[in-house]
Amino acid sequence: MALRSILFNLAFYANLVLWMVVCLPLILLPRRALLPFMHAWAKSSIWLLRVVAGTRLEVRGAPQRFDGPLLVAAKHQSLFETFALLHCFADPAFILKHELTRIPLFGWWITRIGMIAVRRDKGARALKDMGRDARVQAESGRQVLIFPEGTRRAPGDDPAYKVGVVLLYQEMGVPCLPVALNSGLYWPRRKWQRYPGTILVEFLEVLPAGLPRKEFLARLETAIETASDRLLVEAARAPHPPPLPETARKRLQAIGEAEAR
């Protein structure tokens, strides 16, 4: 398992660099012309994960590819969803931290394909700018993806949803698609190990536009956390479950106690 993890990590980053360098002459093309290459890179990375590390992806509740203006709010447990979700959307724009745009090559590409970079050092001004940029992207028909907890959290960890997703929902005026997953069990945050098995990503019922702030956030958090708990339980009960972090074990215990009542 250790060898497969090492080989995958080497292959994953080599593949990323190869795509960025080989496609560099194309960076002058119109942004939409670059989308097929972005989707192809994402699919190649998913393929490498399956072939080298033995980790598969199963997507539930989704059409072949989402199109049209949409706010997407996804659980965030690992690096995996930052590329695996790309190929599920026709023209995605991720909300990401501005520091990523300073990385040579990588920063050039994410800027060129129109990702939304947030200057977190600007405080409240950053939220205003993010909302404005997201509204512009939605008006052009794009899907805006945000991780509402702001950073990666371990499977089973207590939720910590930020106000940014509410601001985007109000500013964009479009429906919101919640996304649950259990990727952190197989691609743990801040670790080099990759575990074999099946990462589950589930697209949930779309929340309509125009809900009151508190109702929207409550429904969003309930939908994502309930589904993520279910996916955690499913992975733990698999014939060959991945190693469970302490947060996941505690959450499973709480779920078991609740079911026993």
C-alpha atoms as a PDB file:
ATOM      1  CA  MET A   1       0.000   0.000   0.000  1.00  0.00           C
ATOM      2  CA  ALA A   2       2.838   2.388   0.852  1.00  0.00           C
ATOM      3  CA  LEU A   3       4.522   1.763  -2.500  1.00  0.00           C
ATOM      4  CA  ARG A   4       1.292   2.349  -4.417  1.00  0.00           C
ATOM      5  CA  SER A   5       0.745   5.608  -2.533  1.00  0.00           C
ATOM      6  CA  ILE A   6       4.237   6.837  -3.346  1.00  0.00           C
ATOM      7  CA  LEU A   7       3.908   5.856  -7.008  1.00  0.00           C
ATOM      8  CA  PHE A   8       0.553   7.562  -7.271  1.00  0.00           C
ATOM      9  CA  ASN A   9       1.761  10.814  -5.716  1.00  0.00           C
ATOM     10  CA  LEU A  10       4.709  10.911  -8.116  1.00  0.00           C
ATOM     11  CA  ALA A  11       2.453  10.132 -11.070  1.00  0.00           C
ATOM     12  CA  PHE A  12      -0.228  12.620 -10.016  1.00  0.00           C
ATOM     13  CA  TYR A  13       2.082  15.623  -9.785  1.00  0.00           C
ATOM     14  CA  ALA A  14       4.090  14.592 -12.850  1.00  0.00           C
ATOM     15  CA  ASN A  15       0.815  14.355 -14.792  1.00  0.00           C
ATOM     16  CA  LEU A  16      -0.225  17.810 -13.580  1.00  0.00           C
ATOM     17  CA  VAL A  17       3.064  19.385 -14.651  1.00  0.00           C
ATOM     18  CA  LEU A  18       2.959  17.561 -17.996  1.00  0.00           C
ATOM     19  CA  TRP A  19      -0.512  18.873 -18.813  1.00  0.00           C
ATOM     20  CA  MET A  20       0.410  22.436 -17.815  1.00  0.00           C
ATOM     21  CA  VAL A  21       3.633  22.448 -19.858  1.00  0.00           C
ATOM     22  CA  VAL A  22       2.385  20.619 -22.960  1.00  0.00           C
ATOM     23  CA  CYS A  23      -0.762  22.755 -23.135  1.00  0.00           C
ATOM     24  CA  LEU A  24       1.040  26.021 -22.372  1.00  0.00           C
ATOM     25  CA  PRO A  25       0.893  27.255 -26.011  1.00  0.00           C
ATOM     26  CA  LEU A  26      -2.903  26.927 -25.791  1.00  0.00           C
ATOM     27  CA  ILE A  27      -3.143  29.411 -22.931  1.00  0.00           C
ATOM     28  CA  LEU A  28      -3.689  32.218 -25.454  1.00  0.00           C
ATOM     29  CA  LEU A  29      -6.866  30.582 -26.760  1.00  0.00           C
ATOM     30  CA  PRO A  30     -10.300  31.847 -25.646  1.00  0.00           C
ATOM     31  CA  ARG A  31     -11.150  30.598 -22.170  1.00  0.00           C
ATOM     32  CA  ARG A  32     -13.949  28.302 -23.307  1.00  0.00           C
ATOM     33  CA  ALA A  33     -11.594  26.569 -25.731  1.00  0.00           C
ATOM     34  CA  LEU A  34      -9.511  25.460 -22.740  1.00  0.00           C
ATOM     35  CA  LEU A  35     -12.387  23.653 -20.977  1.00  0.00           C
ATOM     36  CA  PRO A  36     -11.970  20.291 -22.789  1.00  0.00           C
ATOM     37  CA  PHE A  37      -8.316  20.190 -21.698  1.00  0.00           C
ATOM     38  CA  MET A  38      -9.271  20.960 -18.090  1.00  0.00           C
ATOM     39  CA  HIS A  39     -11.843  18.174 -18.117  1.00  0.00           C
ATOM     40  CA  ALA A  40      -9.360  15.780 -19.708  1.00  0.00           C
ATOM     41  CA  TRP A  41      -6.729  16.502 -17.051  1.00  0.00           C
ATOM     42  CA  ALA A  42      -9.266  15.883 -14.266  1.00  0.00           C
ATOM     43  CA  LYS A  43     -10.321  12.569 -15.819  1.00  0.00           C
ATOM     44  CA  SER A  44      -6.676  11.514 -16.279  1.00  0.00           C
ATOM     45  CA  SER A  45      -6.032  12.185 -12.577  1.00  0.00           C
ATOM     46  CA  ILE A  46      -9.052  10.110 -11.560  1.00  0.00           C
ATOM     47  CA  TRP A  47      -7.808   7.325 -13.849  1.00  0.00           C
ATOM     48  CA  LEU A  48      -4.352   7.414 -12.248  1.00  0.00           C
ATOM     49  CA  LEU A  49      -5.882   7.182  -8.785  1.00  0.00           C
ATOM     50  CA  ARG A  50      -7.835   4.083  -9.799  1.00  0.00           C
ATOM     51  CA  VAL A  51      -5.045   2.326 -11.697  1.00  0.00           C
ATOM     52  CA  VAL A  52      -2.099   3.148  -9.440  1.00  0.00           C
ATOM     53  CA  ALA A  53      -3.623   3.481  -5.959  1.00  0.00           C
ATOM     54  CA  GLY A  54      -6.659   1.237  -6.423  1.00  0.00           C
ATOM     55  CA  THR A  55      -9.049   4.033  -5.389  1.00  0.00           C
ATOM     56  CA  ARG A  56     -12.190   4.320  -7.464  1.00  0.00           C
ATOM     57  CA  LEU A  57     -14.759   7.101  -7.768  1.00  0.00           C
ATOM     58  CA  GLU A  58     -18.502   6.533  -7.645  1.00  0.00           C
ATOM     59  CA  VAL A  59     -20.720   9.531  -8.404  1.00  0.00           C
ATOM     60  CA  ARG A  60     -24.368   9.397  -7.372  1.00  0.00           C
ATOM     61  CA  GLY A  61     -27.352  11.549  -8.210  1.00  0.00           C
ATOM     62  CA  ALA A  62     -25.816  13.453 -11.111  1.00  0.00           C
ATOM     63  CA  PRO A  63     -26.546  13.817 -14.822  1.00  0.00           C
ATOM     64  CA  GLN A  64     -23.641  13.342 -17.187  1.00  0.00           C
ATOM     65  CA  ARG A  65     -22.629  16.973 -16.659  1.00  0.00           C
ATOM     66  CA  PHE A  66     -24.314  19.934 -14.949  1.00  0.00           C
ATOM     67  CA  ASP A  67     -24.860  22.978 -17.166  1.00  0.00           C
ATOM     68  CA  GLY A  68     -26.235  26.483 -16.671  1.00  0.00           C
ATOM     69  CA  PRO A  69     -25.877  28.945 -13.754  1.00  0.00           C
ATOM     70  CA  LEU A  70     -25.661  27.158 -10.431  1.00  0.00           C
ATOM     71  CA  LEU A  71     -24.130  27.519  -6.974  1.00  0.00           C
ATOM     72  CA  VAL A  72     -22.444  24.297  -5.845  1.00  0.00           C
ATOM     73  CA  ALA A  73     -21.654  23.821  -2.135  1.00  0.00           C
ATOM     74  CA  ALA A  74     -19.493  20.764  -1.476  1.00  0.00           C
ATOM     75  CA  LYS A  75     -18.076  19.032   1.557  1.00  0.00           C
ATOM     76  CA  HIS A  76     -14.280  19.433   1.636  1.00  0.00           C
ATOM     77  CA  GLN A  77     -12.137  16.647   3.093  1.00  0.00           C
ATOM     78  CA  SER A  78      -9.143  16.351   0.763  1.00  0.00           C
ATOM     79  CA  LEU A  79      -7.370  17.572  -2.351  1.00  0.00           C
ATOM     80  CA  PHE A  80      -9.370  15.001  -4.313  1.00  0.00           C
ATOM     81  CA  GLU A  81     -12.546  17.037  -4.805  1.00  0.00           C
ATOM     82  CA  THR A  82     -10.624  20.061  -6.081  1.00  0.00           C
ATOM     83  CA  PHE A  83     -10.041  18.209  -9.340  1.00  0.00           C
ATOM     84  CA  ALA A  84     -12.532  15.313  -9.298  1.00  0.00           C
ATOM     85  CA  LEU A  85     -15.543  17.652  -9.338  1.00  0.00           C
ATOM     86  CA  LEU A  86     -14.258  19.547 -12.373  1.00  0.00           C
ATOM     87  CA  HIS A  87     -15.426  17.052 -14.965  1.00  0.00           C
ATOM     88  CA  CYS A  88     -18.961  16.962 -13.496  1.00  0.00           C
ATOM     89  CA  PHE A  89     -19.674  20.557 -14.582  1.00  0.00           C
ATOM     90  CA  ALA A  90     -19.748  22.126 -18.017  1.00  0.00           C
ATOM     91  CA  ASP A  91     -18.017  25.389 -17.087  1.00  0.00           C
ATOM     92  CA  PRO A  92     -17.017  25.434 -13.402  1.00  0.00           C
ATOM     93  CA  ALA A  93     -15.545  28.371 -11.485  1.00  0.00           C
ATOM     94  CA  PHE A  94     -14.045  27.387  -8.141  1.00  0.00           C
ATOM     95  CA  ILE A  95     -13.783  29.782  -5.206  1.00  0.00           C
ATOM     96  CA  LEU A  96     -10.146  29.533  -4.075  1.00  0.00           C
ATOM     97  CA  LYS A  97      -7.558  31.441  -2.099  1.00  0.00           C
ATOM     98  CA  HIS A  98      -5.608  34.098  -3.960  1.00  0.00           C
ATOM     99  CA  GLU A  99      -2.251  32.647  -2.894  1.00  0.00           C
ATOM    100  CA  LEU A 100      -2.727  29.817  -5.390  1.00  0.00           C
ATOM    101  CA  THR A 101      -2.542  32.269  -8.293  1.00  0.00           C
ATOM    102  CA  ARG A 102       1.078  33.009  -7.373  1.00  0.00           C
ATOM    103  CA  ILE A 103       2.251  29.451  -8.062  1.00  0.00           C
ATOM    104  CA  PRO A 104       4.226  29.372 -11.356  1.00  0.00           C
ATOM    105  CA  LEU A 105       2.339  27.685 -14.205  1.00  0.00           C
ATOM    106  CA  PHE A 106      -0.503  26.509 -11.958  1.00  0.00           C
ATOM    107  CA  GLY A 107      -1.427  30.064 -11.018  1.00  0.00           C
ATOM    108  CA  TRP A 108      -1.356  31.129 -14.663  1.00  0.00           C
ATOM    109  CA  TRP A 109      -3.789  28.372 -15.594  1.00  0.00           C
ATOM    110  CA  ILE A 110      -6.330  28.897 -12.824  1.00  0.00           C
ATOM    111  CA  THR A 111      -6.359  32.603 -13.628  1.00  0.00           C
ATOM    112  CA  ARG A 112      -6.762  31.950 -17.356  1.00  0.00           C
ATOM    113  CA  ILE A 113      -9.700  29.560 -16.941  1.00  0.00           C
ATOM    114  CA  GLY A 114     -11.511  32.058 -14.739  1.00  0.00           C
ATOM    115  CA  MET A 115     -11.412  30.687 -11.224  1.00  0.00           C
ATOM    116  CA  ILE A 116     -12.494  33.144  -8.492  1.00  0.00           C
ATOM    117  CA  ALA A 117      -9.520  34.048  -6.286  1.00  0.00           C
ATOM    118  CA  VAL A 118     -10.324  35.500  -2.845  1.00  0.00           C
ATOM    119  CA  ARG A 119      -7.957  37.888  -1.054  1.00  0.00           C
ATOM    120  CA  ARG A 120      -8.648  36.796   2.496  1.00  0.00           C
ATOM    121  CA  ASP A 121      -6.454  39.565   3.899  1.00  0.00           C
ATOM    122  CA  LYS A 122      -9.039  42.103   2.702  1.00  0.00           C
ATOM    123  CA  GLY A 123     -11.619  41.004   5.279  1.00  0.00           C
ATOM    124  CA  ALA A 124     -15.176  42.149   4.515  1.00  0.00           C
ATOM    125  CA  ARG A 125     -14.041  43.630   1.212  1.00  0.00           C
ATOM    126  CA  ALA A 126     -12.980  40.139   0.091  1.00  0.00           C
ATOM    127  CA  LEU A 127     -16.525  38.847   0.619  1.00  0.00           C
ATOM    128  CA  LYS A 128     -17.975  41.723  -1.419  1.00  0.00           C
ATOM    129  CA  ASP A 129     -15.545  41.096  -4.260  1.00  0.00           C
ATOM    130  CA  MET A 130     -16.245  37.358  -4.162  1.00  0.00           C
ATOM    131  CA  GLY A 131     -19.986  37.922  -4.357  1.00  0.00           C
ATOM    132  CA  ARG A 132     -19.640  40.346  -7.263  1.00  0.00           C
ATOM    133  CA  ASP A 133     -17.343  38.019  -9.211  1.00  0.00           C
ATOM    134  CA  ALA A 134     -19.591  35.018  -8.582  1.00  0.00           C
ATOM    135  CA  ARG A 135     -22.647  36.932  -9.782  1.00  0.00           C
ATOM    136  CA  VAL A 136     -20.842  37.880 -13.002  1.00  0.00           C
ATOM    137  CA  GLN A 137     -19.843  34.251 -13.597  1.00  0.00           C
ATOM    138  CA  ALA A 138     -23.386  33.015 -12.952  1.00  0.00           C
ATOM    139  CA  GLU A 139     -24.790  35.600 -15.348  1.00  0.00           C
ATOM    140  CA  SER A 140     -22.505  34.178 -18.026  1.00  0.00           C
ATOM    141  CA  GLY A 141     -23.937  30.702 -17.389  1.00  0.00           C
ATOM    142  CA  ARG A 142     -21.163  29.195 -15.245  1.00  0.00           C
ATOM    143  CA  GLN A 143     -21.366  26.939 -12.204  1.00  0.00           C
ATOM    144  CA  VAL A 144     -19.698  28.462  -9.122  1.00  0.00           C
ATOM    145  CA  LEU A 145     -18.257  25.916  -6.668  1.00  0.00           C
ATOM    146  CA  ILE A 146     -17.500  26.727  -3.046  1.00  0.00           C
ATOM    147  CA  PHE A 147     -16.429  24.648  -0.065  1.00  0.00           C
ATOM    148  CA  PRO A 148     -18.660  26.279   2.580  1.00  0.00           C
ATOM    149  CA  GLU A 149     -16.442  25.272   5.512  1.00  0.00           C
ATOM    150  CA  GLY A 150     -13.553  27.135   3.913  1.00  0.00           C
ATOM    151  CA  THR A 151     -10.907  24.472   4.446  1.00  0.00           C
ATOM    152  CA  ARG A 152     -10.442  20.707   4.531  1.00  0.00           C
ATOM    153  CA  ARG A 153     -11.947  18.986   7.549  1.00  0.00           C
ATOM    154  CA  ALA A 154     -11.401  15.402   8.657  1.00  0.00           C
ATOM    155  CA  PRO A 155     -14.202  12.868   8.074  1.00  0.00           C
ATOM    156  CA  GLY A 156     -16.637  12.984  10.979  1.00  0.00           C
ATOM    157  CA  ASP A 157     -15.354  16.319  12.261  1.00  0.00           C
ATOM    158  CA  ASP A 158     -17.884  18.833  13.567  1.00  0.00           C
ATOM    159  CA  PRO A 159     -19.191  21.059  10.755  1.00  0.00           C
ATOM    160  CA  ALA A 160     -18.068  24.683  10.568  1.00  0.00           C
ATOM    161  CA  TYR A 161     -20.003  26.432   7.800  1.00  0.00           C
ATOM    162  CA  LYS A 162     -18.987  30.011   6.974  1.00  0.00           C
ATOM    163  CA  VAL A 163     -21.093  32.996   5.981  1.00  0.00           C
ATOM    164  CA  GLY A 164     -19.532  33.112   2.502  1.00  0.00           C
ATOM    165  CA  VAL A 165     -21.842  30.472   1.045  1.00  0.00           C
ATOM    166  CA  VAL A 166     -24.901  32.454   2.217  1.00  0.00           C
ATOM    167  CA  LEU A 167     -23.515  35.619   0.643  1.00  0.00           C
ATOM    168  CA  LEU A 168     -22.985  33.830  -2.677  1.00  0.00           C
ATOM    169  CA  TYR A 169     -26.472  32.327  -2.582  1.00  0.00           C
ATOM    170  CA  GLN A 170     -28.055  35.727  -2.079  1.00  0.00           C
ATOM    171  CA  GLU A 171     -25.804  37.563  -4.521  1.00  0.00           C
ATOM    172  CA  MET A 172     -26.082  35.036  -7.362  1.00  0.00           C
ATOM    173  CA  GLY A 173     -29.827  34.438  -7.094  1.00  0.00           C
ATOM    174  CA  VAL A 174     -29.579  30.892  -8.486  1.00  0.00           C
ATOM    175  CA  PRO A 175     -30.361  27.423  -7.083  1.00  0.00           C
ATOM    176  CA  CYS A 176     -27.777  25.695  -4.895  1.00  0.00           C
ATOM    177  CA  LEU A 177     -26.590  22.115  -5.343  1.00  0.00           C
ATOM    178  CA  PRO A 178     -25.309  20.476  -2.104  1.00  0.00           C
ATOM    179  CA  VAL A 179     -22.597  17.819  -2.482  1.00  0.00           C
ATOM    180  CA  ALA A 180     -21.671  15.164   0.089  1.00  0.00           C
ATOM    181  CA  LEU A 181     -18.605  12.909  -0.041  1.00  0.00           C
ATOM    182  CA  ASN A 182     -16.246  10.702   1.960  1.00  0.00           C
ATOM    183  CA  SER A 183     -12.962  11.364   0.116  1.00  0.00           C
ATOM    184  CA  GLY A 184     -11.002  12.071   3.299  1.00  0.00           C
ATOM    185  CA  LEU A 185     -11.138   8.395   4.238  1.00  0.00           C
ATOM    186  CA  TYR A 186      -9.156   7.407   1.151  1.00  0.00           C
ATOM    187  CA  TRP A 187      -7.139  10.579   0.509  1.00  0.00           C
ATOM    188  CA  PRO A 188      -6.475  11.928   4.037  1.00  0.00           C
ATOM    189  CA  ARG A 189      -5.695  15.616   4.398  1.00  0.00           C
ATOM    190  CA  ARG A 190      -2.037  16.458   5.090  1.00  0.00           C
ATOM    191  CA  LYS A 191      -0.957  12.843   4.578  1.00  0.00           C
ATOM    192  CA  TRP A 192       0.756  11.083   1.680  1.00  0.00           C
ATOM    193  CA  GLN A 193      -1.116   7.781   1.995  1.00  0.00           C
ATOM    194  CA  ARG A 194      -3.798   6.843  -0.525  1.00  0.00           C
ATOM    195  CA  TYR A 195      -6.061   3.946   0.433  1.00  0.00           C
ATOM    196  CA  PRO A 196      -7.786   1.520  -1.966  1.00  0.00           C
ATOM    197  CA  GLY A 197     -11.565   1.432  -2.063  1.00  0.00           C
ATOM    198  CA  THR A 198     -14.341   3.583  -3.499  1.00  0.00           C
ATOM    199  CA  ILE A 199     -14.698   7.308  -2.882  1.00  0.00           C
ATOM    200  CA  LEU A 200     -18.374   8.219  -2.883  1.00  0.00           C
ATOM    201  CA  VAL A 201     -19.554  11.608  -4.152  1.00  0.00           C
ATOM    202  CA  GLU A 202     -23.275  12.302  -3.959  1.00  0.00           C
ATOM    203  CA  PHE A 203     -25.114  15.217  -5.561  1.00  0.00           C
ATOM    204  CA  LEU A 204     -28.131  15.993  -3.393  1.00  0.00           C
ATOM    205  CA  GLU A 205     -31.487  17.653  -3.970  1.00  0.00           C
ATOM    206  CA  VAL A 206     -31.113  21.157  -5.351  1.00  0.00           C
ATOM    207  CA  LEU A 207     -32.170  23.982  -3.035  1.00  0.00           C
ATOM    208  CA  PRO A 208     -34.285  26.600  -4.846  1.00  0.00           C
ATOM    209  CA  ALA A 209     -33.213  30.213  -5.161  1.00  0.00           C
ATOM    210  CA  GLY A 210     -34.740  32.828  -2.860  1.00  0.00           C
ATOM    211  CA  LEU A 211     -34.824  31.037   0.484  1.00  0.00           C
ATOM    212  CA  PRO A 212     -34.343  33.177   3.633  1.00  0.00           C
ATOM    213  CA  ARG A 213     -30.738  33.233   4.884  1.00  0.00           C
ATOM    214  CA  LYS A 214     -31.237  31.122   7.997  1.00  0.00           C
ATOM    215  CA  GLU A 215     -33.447  28.578   6.272  1.00  0.00           C
ATOM    216  CA  PHE A 216     -30.989  28.193   3.401  1.00  0.00           C
ATOM    217  CA  LEU A 217     -27.983  27.622   5.656  1.00  0.00           C
ATOM    218  CA  ALA A 218     -29.887  25.213   7.907  1.00  0.00           C
ATOM    219  CA  ARG A 219     -31.153  23.158   4.970  1.00  0.00           C
ATOM    220  CA  LEU A 220     -27.744  23.170   3.287  1.00  0.00           C
ATOM    221  CA  GLU A 221     -25.864  22.016   6.384  1.00  0.00           C
ATOM    222  CA  THR A 222     -28.464  19.370   7.239  1.00  0.00           C
ATOM    223  CA  ALA A 223     -28.429  17.961   3.697  1.00  0.00           C
ATOM    224  CA  ILE A 224     -24.642  17.773   3.381  1.00  0.00           C
ATOM    225  CA  GLU A 225     -23.921  16.513   6.895  1.00  0.00           C
ATOM    226  CA  THR A 226     -26.690  13.895   6.904  1.00  0.00           C
ATOM    227  CA  ALA A 227     -25.561  12.502   3.552  1.00  0.00           C
ATOM    228  CA  SER A 228     -21.865  12.645   4.490  1.00  0.00           C
ATOM    229  CA  ASP A 229     -22.639  10.677   7.676  1.00  0.00           C
ATOM    230  CA  ARG A 230     -24.390   8.070   5.544  1.00  0.00           C
ATOM    231  CA  LEU A 231     -21.409   7.799   3.201  1.00  0.00           C
ATOM    232  CA  LEU A 232     -19.078   7.510   6.205  1.00  0.00           C
ATOM    233  CA  VAL A 233     -21.121   4.619   7.579  1.00  0.00           C
ATOM    234  CA  GLU A 234     -21.185   2.929   4.179  1.00  0.00           C
ATOM    235  CA  ALA A 235     -17.401   3.111   3.880  1.00  0.00           C
ATOM    236  CA  ALA A 236     -16.889   1.843   7.433  1.00  0.00           C
ATOM    237  CA  ARG A 237     -19.133  -1.171   6.759  1.00  0.00           C
ATOM    238  CA  ALA A 238     -17.433  -2.072   3.463  1.00  0.00           C
ATOM    239  CA  PRO A 239     -15.692  -5.479   3.269  1.00  0.00           C
ATOM    240  CA  HIS A 240     -12.283  -3.771   3.325  1.00  0.00           C
ATOM    241  CA  PRO A 241     -12.777  -0.385   5.015  1.00  0.00           C
ATOM    242  CA  PRO A 242     -10.077   2.286   5.002  1.00  0.00           C
ATOM    243  CA  PRO A 243      -8.326   3.274   8.251  1.00  0.00           C
ATOM    244  CA  LEU A 244     -10.670   5.544  10.200  1.00  0.00           C
ATOM    245  CA  PRO A 245      -9.374   8.741  11.812  1.00  0.00           C
ATOM    246  CA  GLU A 246     -10.373   9.473  15.387  1.00  0.00           C
ATOM    247  CA  THR A 247     -12.968  12.015  14.263  1.00  0.00           C
ATOM    248  CA  ALA A 248     -14.652   9.378  12.095  1.00  0.00           C
ATOM    249  CA  ARG A 249     -14.655   6.783  14.886  1.00  0.00           C
ATOM    250  CA  LYS A 250     -16.267   9.243  17.299  1.00  0.00           C
ATOM    251  CA  ARG A 251     -18.870  10.220  14.729  1.00  0.00           C
ATOM    252  CA  LEU A 252     -19.700   6.583  13.985  1.00  0.00           C
ATOM    253  CA  GLN A 253     -20.112   5.947  17.701  1.00  0.00           C
ATOM    254  CA  ALA A 254     -22.503   8.901  18.005  1.00  0.00           C
ATOM    255  CA  ILE A 255     -24.477   7.684  14.983  1.00  0.00           C
ATOM    256  CA  GLY A 256     -24.683   4.185  16.468  1.00  0.00           C
ATOM    257  CA  GLU A 257     -25.902   5.520  19.803  1.00  0.00           C
ATOM    258  CA  ALA A 258     -28.542   7.644  18.081  1.00  0.00           C
ATOM    259  CA  GLU A 259     -29.783   4.644  16.076  1.00  0.00           C
ATOM    260  CA  ALA A 260     -29.977   2.541  19.247  1.00  0.00           C
ATOM    261  CA  ARG A 261     -32.316   4.942  21.002  1.00  0.00           C
END
